[in-house]
């Protein structure tokens, strides 16, 4: 089986045996560029997903082949249209006999909760909260992408730090130790 986590920055694929009932064996791992079809386009996302899968087969020392099943947890694929397009591509290219495409938060919740209930938070290149209750109803907040909904990501935190340092340098903000650290790191006096 293949599991794929595709985000706005990178895509990771894992290859595992279908008969691992404990879900603890990883045969191979592969990485590639962004797998979010909404941020980089479907063609680029699909190329990166395929590259990550091929890298996982290489890591496992197994020739690429059609697997029993594949699950694609992708940022930018939380809606039916995106899921259908990625699933059609995956089936058409012969990645797996059974294909499941979902948003990137659903596998997080599945891994954390045997009952598949609760809330999953994604703070990567963009942020999202996604949850499922006992009745199976789901809800989401965020998921607006890196430009409009990046709260909590490393990029957003770094950007806020740089803003604070720049505002301190201009005298428009509070003094901050970040300014001295930024100047030192960039090897500039002012």
Protein backbone atom coordinates (compact mmCIF):
# COMPACT_ATOMS: atom_id res chain seq x y z
CA UNK A 1 0.00 0.00 0.00
CA UNK A 2 1.03 3.59 -0.53
CA UNK A 3 0.36 6.55 1.73
CA UNK A 4 1.00 10.06 0.46
CA UNK A 5 1.07 13.32 2.42
CA UNK A 6 1.11 16.20 -0.05
CA UNK A 7 1.46 19.74 1.24
CA UNK A 8 2.32 23.19 0.01
CA UNK A 9 6.05 22.67 0.53
CA UNK A 10 6.75 18.98 0.13
CA UNK A 11 5.23 15.59 -0.60
CA UNK A 12 6.15 12.43 1.31
CA UNK A 13 5.20 8.90 0.24
CA UNK A 14 5.43 5.71 2.31
CA UNK A 15 5.30 2.18 1.01
CA UNK A 16 4.05 -0.50 3.42
CA UNK A 17 3.05 -4.17 3.22
CA UNK A 18 -0.68 -4.76 2.85
CA UNK A 19 -0.67 -7.44 5.57
CA UNK A 20 0.84 -5.27 8.36
CA UNK A 21 -2.10 -5.33 10.79
CA UNK A 22 -0.22 -3.19 13.34
CA UNK A 23 0.63 -0.48 10.79
CA UNK A 24 4.24 -0.36 11.96
CA UNK A 25 6.29 -1.51 8.96
CA UNK A 26 7.58 1.01 6.43
CA UNK A 27 9.26 -0.57 3.42
CA UNK A 28 10.32 2.70 1.81
CA UNK A 29 9.97 6.48 2.00
CA UNK A 30 10.24 9.10 -0.70
CA UNK A 31 10.11 12.89 -0.86
CA UNK A 32 9.46 15.40 -3.59
CA UNK A 33 8.22 18.97 -4.06
CA UNK A 34 4.75 20.38 -3.27
CA UNK A 35 1.72 18.12 -3.71
CA UNK A 36 -1.03 20.71 -3.14
CA UNK A 37 -2.93 20.84 -6.45
CA UNK A 38 -4.52 24.20 -5.60
CA UNK A 39 -1.25 26.00 -4.88
CA UNK A 40 1.02 24.56 -7.59
CA UNK A 41 -1.51 23.24 -10.10
CA UNK A 42 -2.63 19.69 -10.73
CA UNK A 43 0.09 18.85 -13.24
CA UNK A 44 2.93 19.91 -10.93
CA UNK A 45 1.32 18.30 -7.87
CA UNK A 46 0.81 15.03 -9.74
CA UNK A 47 4.42 15.04 -10.99
CA UNK A 48 5.68 15.57 -7.43
CA UNK A 49 3.38 12.86 -6.05
CA UNK A 50 4.63 10.43 -8.69
CA UNK A 51 8.26 11.37 -7.91
CA UNK A 52 7.72 10.77 -4.17
CA UNK A 53 6.13 7.38 -4.88
CA UNK A 54 8.99 6.34 -7.19
CA UNK A 55 11.49 7.46 -4.52
CA UNK A 56 9.67 5.28 -1.94
CA UNK A 57 9.96 2.26 -4.25
CA UNK A 58 13.68 3.01 -4.78
CA UNK A 59 14.17 3.32 -1.01
CA UNK A 60 12.45 -0.07 -0.57
CA UNK A 61 14.59 -1.63 -3.34
CA UNK A 62 11.39 -2.71 -5.06
CA UNK A 63 10.58 -2.10 -8.73
CA UNK A 64 7.64 0.32 -9.16
CA UNK A 65 4.39 -1.60 -9.54
CA UNK A 66 0.64 -1.30 -9.12
CA UNK A 67 -0.12 -1.54 -5.40
CA UNK A 68 -3.23 -2.92 -3.71
CA UNK A 69 -4.30 0.49 -2.41
CA UNK A 70 -3.17 4.09 -2.09
CA UNK A 71 -4.34 6.91 0.13
CA UNK A 72 -3.51 10.49 -0.85
CA UNK A 73 -3.91 13.00 1.99
CA UNK A 74 -3.40 16.28 0.16
CA UNK A 75 -3.59 19.90 1.14
CA UNK A 76 -5.79 21.58 -1.45
CA UNK A 77 -7.82 18.41 -2.01
CA UNK A 78 -10.51 18.73 0.62
CA UNK A 79 -13.33 19.02 -1.89
CA UNK A 80 -14.95 16.47 -4.19
CA UNK A 81 -13.73 18.07 -7.44
CA UNK A 82 -10.07 18.00 -6.43
CA UNK A 83 -10.37 14.49 -5.00
CA UNK A 84 -11.99 13.17 -8.16
CA UNK A 85 -9.35 14.73 -10.40
CA UNK A 86 -6.44 13.29 -8.39
CA UNK A 87 -8.15 9.88 -8.07
CA UNK A 88 -8.79 9.72 -11.83
CA UNK A 89 -5.13 10.55 -12.48
CA UNK A 90 -3.89 7.96 -9.95
CA UNK A 91 -6.13 5.23 -11.36
CA UNK A 92 -5.25 6.18 -14.93
CA UNK A 93 -1.52 5.97 -14.26
CA UNK A 94 -1.86 2.61 -12.51
CA UNK A 95 -0.58 3.62 -9.08
CA UNK A 96 -3.00 1.36 -7.19
CA UNK A 97 -6.04 -0.86 -7.62
CA UNK A 98 -7.96 1.10 -4.98
CA UNK A 99 -7.43 4.85 -4.58
CA UNK A 100 -8.65 7.16 -1.81
CA UNK A 101 -8.04 10.91 -1.92
CA UNK A 102 -8.83 13.18 1.02
CA UNK A 103 -7.67 16.42 2.57
CA UNK A 104 -4.46 16.39 4.57
CA UNK A 105 -6.16 16.64 7.97
CA UNK A 106 -8.19 13.43 7.74
CA UNK A 107 -5.17 11.08 7.91
CA UNK A 108 -3.85 13.08 10.89
CA UNK A 109 -7.09 12.44 12.75
CA UNK A 110 -7.13 8.78 11.71
CA UNK A 111 -3.60 8.30 13.04
CA UNK A 112 -4.38 10.03 16.34
CA UNK A 113 -7.82 8.60 17.07
CA UNK A 114 -8.83 4.96 16.62
CA UNK A 115 -12.48 6.12 16.62
CA UNK A 116 -11.73 8.69 13.90
CA UNK A 117 -13.30 11.42 16.03
CA UNK A 118 -11.78 14.65 17.21
CA UNK A 119 -10.02 17.64 15.71
CA UNK A 120 -6.88 17.70 13.58
CA UNK A 121 -4.81 20.85 13.21
CA UNK A 122 -2.56 21.49 10.24
CA UNK A 123 0.04 24.25 10.56
CA UNK A 124 2.25 23.86 7.54
CA UNK A 125 2.26 26.08 4.49
CA UNK A 126 -1.20 27.29 5.41
CA UNK A 127 -3.29 26.19 8.36
CA UNK A 128 -6.52 24.26 8.81
CA UNK A 129 -8.64 22.79 11.61
CA UNK A 130 -10.75 19.78 10.59
CA UNK A 131 -12.89 17.59 12.80
CA UNK A 132 -15.36 14.71 12.88
CA UNK A 133 -17.93 14.06 15.62
CA UNK A 134 -19.55 10.80 16.81
CA UNK A 135 -22.32 11.08 14.24
CA UNK A 136 -19.72 11.31 11.46
CA UNK A 137 -20.38 14.96 10.68
CA UNK A 138 -17.31 16.95 9.69
CA UNK A 139 -16.45 20.62 9.88
CA UNK A 140 -13.48 22.72 8.90
CA UNK A 141 -12.07 26.16 9.56
CA UNK A 142 -9.25 27.76 7.63
CA UNK A 143 -7.64 26.04 4.70
CA UNK A 144 -7.35 29.33 2.80
CA UNK A 145 -3.77 28.66 1.74
CA UNK A 146 -0.47 30.32 2.53
CA UNK A 147 -1.52 33.83 1.55
CA UNK A 148 -4.79 34.19 3.48
CA UNK A 149 -4.67 31.47 6.11
CA UNK A 150 -1.13 30.79 7.22
CA UNK A 151 -1.59 31.27 10.97
CA UNK A 152 0.76 29.08 12.97
CA UNK A 153 3.10 28.06 10.16
CA UNK A 154 6.85 28.43 10.33
CA UNK A 155 6.68 30.93 7.47
CA UNK A 156 4.08 33.07 9.26
CA UNK A 157 6.06 33.04 12.51
CA UNK A 158 9.28 34.01 10.69
CA UNK A 159 7.48 36.76 8.78
CA UNK A 160 6.09 38.23 12.02
CA UNK A 161 9.59 38.17 13.53
CA UNK A 162 11.05 39.94 10.51
CA UNK A 163 8.26 42.52 10.61
CA UNK A 164 8.93 43.19 14.29
CA UNK A 165 12.65 43.59 13.63
CA UNK A 166 12.07 45.91 10.66
CA UNK A 167 9.59 48.03 12.62
CA UNK A 168 12.04 48.27 15.54
CA UNK A 169 14.80 49.36 13.14
CA UNK A 170 12.53 52.11 11.76
CA UNK A 171 11.44 53.22 15.24
CA UNK A 172 7.84 52.25 14.40
CA UNK A 173 7.76 49.31 16.78
CA UNK A 174 8.95 48.14 20.16
CA UNK A 175 12.64 47.36 20.55
CA UNK A 176 13.32 43.65 20.08
CA UNK A 177 16.26 41.29 20.42
CA UNK A 178 15.27 39.97 17.00
CA UNK A 179 16.75 43.05 15.33
CA UNK A 180 20.26 42.41 16.65
CA UNK A 181 20.01 38.71 15.79
CA UNK A 182 18.79 39.49 12.26
CA UNK A 183 21.60 42.03 11.68
CA UNK A 184 24.19 39.55 13.01
CA UNK A 185 22.81 36.72 10.87
CA UNK A 186 22.82 38.88 7.74
CA UNK A 187 26.30 40.23 8.67
CA UNK A 188 25.22 43.86 8.30
CA UNK A 189 25.84 46.71 10.78
CA UNK A 190 22.56 48.60 10.31
